[in-house]
C-alpha atoms as a PDB file:
ATOM      1  CA  MET A   1      -0.363 -56.725 -43.688  1.00  0.00           C
ATOM      2  CA  ALA A   2      -2.637 -53.732 -44.188  1.00  0.00           C
ATOM      3  CA  ASN A   3      -3.569 -52.847 -47.751  1.00  0.00           C
ATOM      4  CA  HIS A   4      -4.609 -49.236 -47.103  1.00  0.00           C
ATOM      5  CA  LYS A   5      -2.964 -46.310 -45.428  1.00  0.00           C
ATOM      6  CA  SER A   6      -5.804 -46.033 -42.892  1.00  0.00           C
ATOM      7  CA  ALA A   7      -5.644 -49.764 -42.115  1.00  0.00           C
ATOM      8  CA  ALA A   8      -1.903 -49.495 -41.487  1.00  0.00           C
ATOM      9  CA  LYS A   9      -2.526 -46.606 -39.089  1.00  0.00           C
ATOM     10  CA  ARG A  10      -5.205 -48.589 -37.234  1.00  0.00           C
ATOM     11  CA  ALA A  11      -2.750 -51.472 -36.897  1.00  0.00           C
ATOM     12  CA  ARG A  12      -0.111 -49.146 -35.431  1.00  0.00           C
ATOM     13  CA  GLN A  13      -2.627 -47.656 -33.018  1.00  0.00           C
ATOM     14  CA  ALA A  14      -3.841 -51.094 -31.951  1.00  0.00           C
ATOM     15  CA  THR A  15      -0.279 -52.155 -31.178  1.00  0.00           C
ATOM     16  CA  ARG A  16       0.279 -49.018 -29.105  1.00  0.00           C
ATOM     17  CA  ARG A  17      -3.044 -49.364 -27.239  1.00  0.00           C
ATOM     18  CA  THR A  18      -2.337 -53.031 -26.493  1.00  0.00           C
ATOM     19  CA  ALA A  19       0.974 -52.093 -24.892  1.00  0.00           C
ATOM     20  CA  VAL A  20      -0.623 -49.347 -22.784  1.00  0.00           C
ATOM     21  CA  ASN A  21      -3.514 -51.563 -21.700  1.00  0.00           C
ATOM     22  CA  SER A  22      -1.110 -54.346 -20.790  1.00  0.00           C
ATOM     23  CA  LYS A  23       0.898 -51.960 -18.599  1.00  0.00           C
ATOM     24  CA  ARG A  24      -2.261 -50.707 -16.864  1.00  0.00           C
ATOM     25  CA  LYS A  25      -3.491 -54.240 -16.248  1.00  0.00           C
ATOM     26  CA  GLY A  26      -0.098 -55.185 -14.812  1.00  0.00           C
ATOM     27  CA  ALA A  27      -0.098 -52.166 -12.502  1.00  0.00           C
ATOM     28  CA  VAL A  28      -3.536 -53.141 -11.200  1.00  0.00           C
ATOM     29  CA  ARG A  29      -2.398 -56.734 -10.613  1.00  0.00           C
ATOM     30  CA  THR A  30       0.674 -55.505  -8.721  1.00  0.00           C
ATOM     31  CA  GLU A  31      -1.422 -53.293  -6.431  1.00  0.00           C
ATOM     32  CA  GLU A  32      -3.879 -56.132  -5.898  1.00  0.00           C
ATOM     33  CA  LYS A  33      -1.087 -58.513  -4.895  1.00  0.00           C
ATOM     34  CA  LYS A  34       0.369 -55.965  -2.456  1.00  0.00           C
ATOM     35  CA  LEU A  35      -3.030 -55.520  -0.804  1.00  0.00           C
ATOM     36  CA  ILE A  36      -3.689 -59.257  -0.574  1.00  0.00           C
ATOM     37  CA  LYS A  37      -0.227 -59.845   0.890  1.00  0.00           C
ATOM     38  CA  ALA A  38      -0.859 -57.138   3.518  1.00  0.00           C
ATOM     39  CA  LEU A  39      -4.263 -58.693   4.299  1.00  0.00           C
ATOM     40  CA  GLU A  40      -2.704 -62.110   4.823  1.00  0.00           C
ATOM     41  CA  ALA A  41       0.015 -60.606   7.027  1.00  0.00           C
ATOM     42  CA  LYS A  42      -2.661 -58.617   8.925  1.00  0.00           C
ATOM     43  CA  ASN A  43      -0.624 -55.452   8.380  1.00  0.00           C
ATOM     44  CA  VAL A  44      -3.308 -52.998   9.545  1.00  0.00           C
ATOM     45  CA  LYS A  45      -1.203 -49.834   9.157  1.00  0.00           C
ATOM     46  CA  GLU A  46      -0.640 -50.251   5.418  1.00  0.00           C
ATOM     47  CA  LEU A  47      -4.135 -51.414   4.421  1.00  0.00           C
ATOM     48  CA  PRO A  48      -5.924 -48.058   3.949  1.00  0.00           C
ATOM     49  CA  ALA A  49      -3.148 -46.658   1.743  1.00  0.00           C
ATOM     50  CA  LEU A  50      -2.933 -49.846  -0.317  1.00  0.00           C
ATOM     51  CA  LEU A  51      -6.699 -49.998  -0.754  1.00  0.00           C
ATOM     52  CA  SER A  52      -6.750 -46.359  -1.844  1.00  0.00           C
ATOM     53  CA  ALA A  53      -3.993 -46.950  -4.405  1.00  0.00           C
ATOM     54  CA  LEU A  54      -5.733 -50.044  -5.774  1.00  0.00           C
ATOM     55  CA  THR A  55      -9.083 -48.258  -5.983  1.00  0.00           C
ATOM     56  CA  SER A  56      -7.480 -45.417  -7.904  1.00  0.00           C
ATOM     57  CA  LYS A  57      -5.727 -47.709 -10.385  1.00  0.00           C
ATOM     58  CA  LEU A  58      -8.789 -49.915 -10.906  1.00  0.00           C
ATOM     59  CA  THR A  59     -11.108 -46.963 -11.447  1.00  0.00           C
ATOM     60  CA  ARG A  60      -8.724 -45.408 -13.933  1.00  0.00           C
ATOM     61  CA  ALA A  61      -8.338 -48.707 -15.791  1.00  0.00           C
ATOM     62  CA  ALA A  62     -12.119 -49.089 -15.954  1.00  0.00           C
ATOM     63  CA  GLN A  63     -12.480 -45.560 -17.328  1.00  0.00           C
ATOM     64  CA  LYS A  64      -9.930 -46.350 -20.014  1.00  0.00           C
ATOM     65  CA  GLY A  65     -11.676 -49.600 -20.956  1.00  0.00           C
ATOM     66  CA  VAL A  66      -9.018 -52.006 -19.710  1.00  0.00           C
ATOM     67  CA  PHE A  67     -11.530 -53.571 -17.317  1.00  0.00           C
ATOM     68  CA  GLY A  68     -15.283 -53.401 -17.389  1.00  0.00           C
ATOM     69  CA  LYS A  69     -16.926 -51.004 -14.953  1.00  0.00           C
ATOM     70  CA  ASN A  70     -18.643 -53.837 -13.074  1.00  0.00           C
ATOM     71  CA  THR A  71     -15.440 -55.880 -12.859  1.00  0.00           C
ATOM     72  CA  ALA A  72     -13.601 -52.972 -11.259  1.00  0.00           C
ATOM     73  CA  SER A  73     -16.501 -52.322  -8.897  1.00  0.00           C
ATOM     74  CA  ARG A  74     -16.677 -55.984  -7.881  1.00  0.00           C
ATOM     75  CA  LYS A  75     -12.936 -56.188  -7.166  1.00  0.00           C
ATOM     76  CA  ILE A  76     -13.002 -52.967  -5.146  1.00  0.00           C
ATOM     77  CA  GLY A  77     -16.065 -54.091  -3.187  1.00  0.00           C
ATOM     78  CA  ARG A  78     -14.704 -57.494  -2.280  1.00  0.00           C
ATOM     79  CA  LEU A  79     -11.278 -56.261  -1.259  1.00  0.00           C
ATOM     80  CA  SER A  80     -12.615 -53.302   0.711  1.00  0.00           C
ATOM     81  CA  ALA A  81     -14.961 -55.669   2.554  1.00  0.00           C
ATOM     82  CA  ARG A  82     -11.949 -57.798   3.526  1.00  0.00           C
ATOM     83  CA  VAL A  83     -10.057 -54.695   4.671  1.00  0.00           C
ATOM     84  CA  GLN A  84     -13.014 -53.429   6.720  1.00  0.00           C
ATOM     85  CA  ALA A  85     -13.454 -56.859   8.340  1.00  0.00           C
ATOM     86  CA  LEU A  86      -9.804 -56.846   9.392  1.00  0.00           C
ATOM     87  CA  LEU A  87      -9.943 -53.251  10.645  1.00  0.00           C
ATOM     88  CA  GLY A  88     -13.049 -54.087  12.664  1.00  0.00           C
ATOM     89  CA  LYS A  89     -15.371 -51.493  11.169  1.00  0.00           C
END
């Protein structure tokens, strides 16, 4: 338990931030799974929209510090390479 008023506030903020970060991370994982499932099913029509949504969520999460910038970039690069290979570009 916090002994000071400021320490108690930091504890409350940490709890709140953890919940928000967890939600963001979950949203990214969900988008990633949707994209991978579409890749495996070779669903060409949905791929660009799914990749765009994942890129948006990953970039936002990286800006907010949920993921590192390089981690987000690596995930986007690898998945977009898979999408481009399937689309034939």
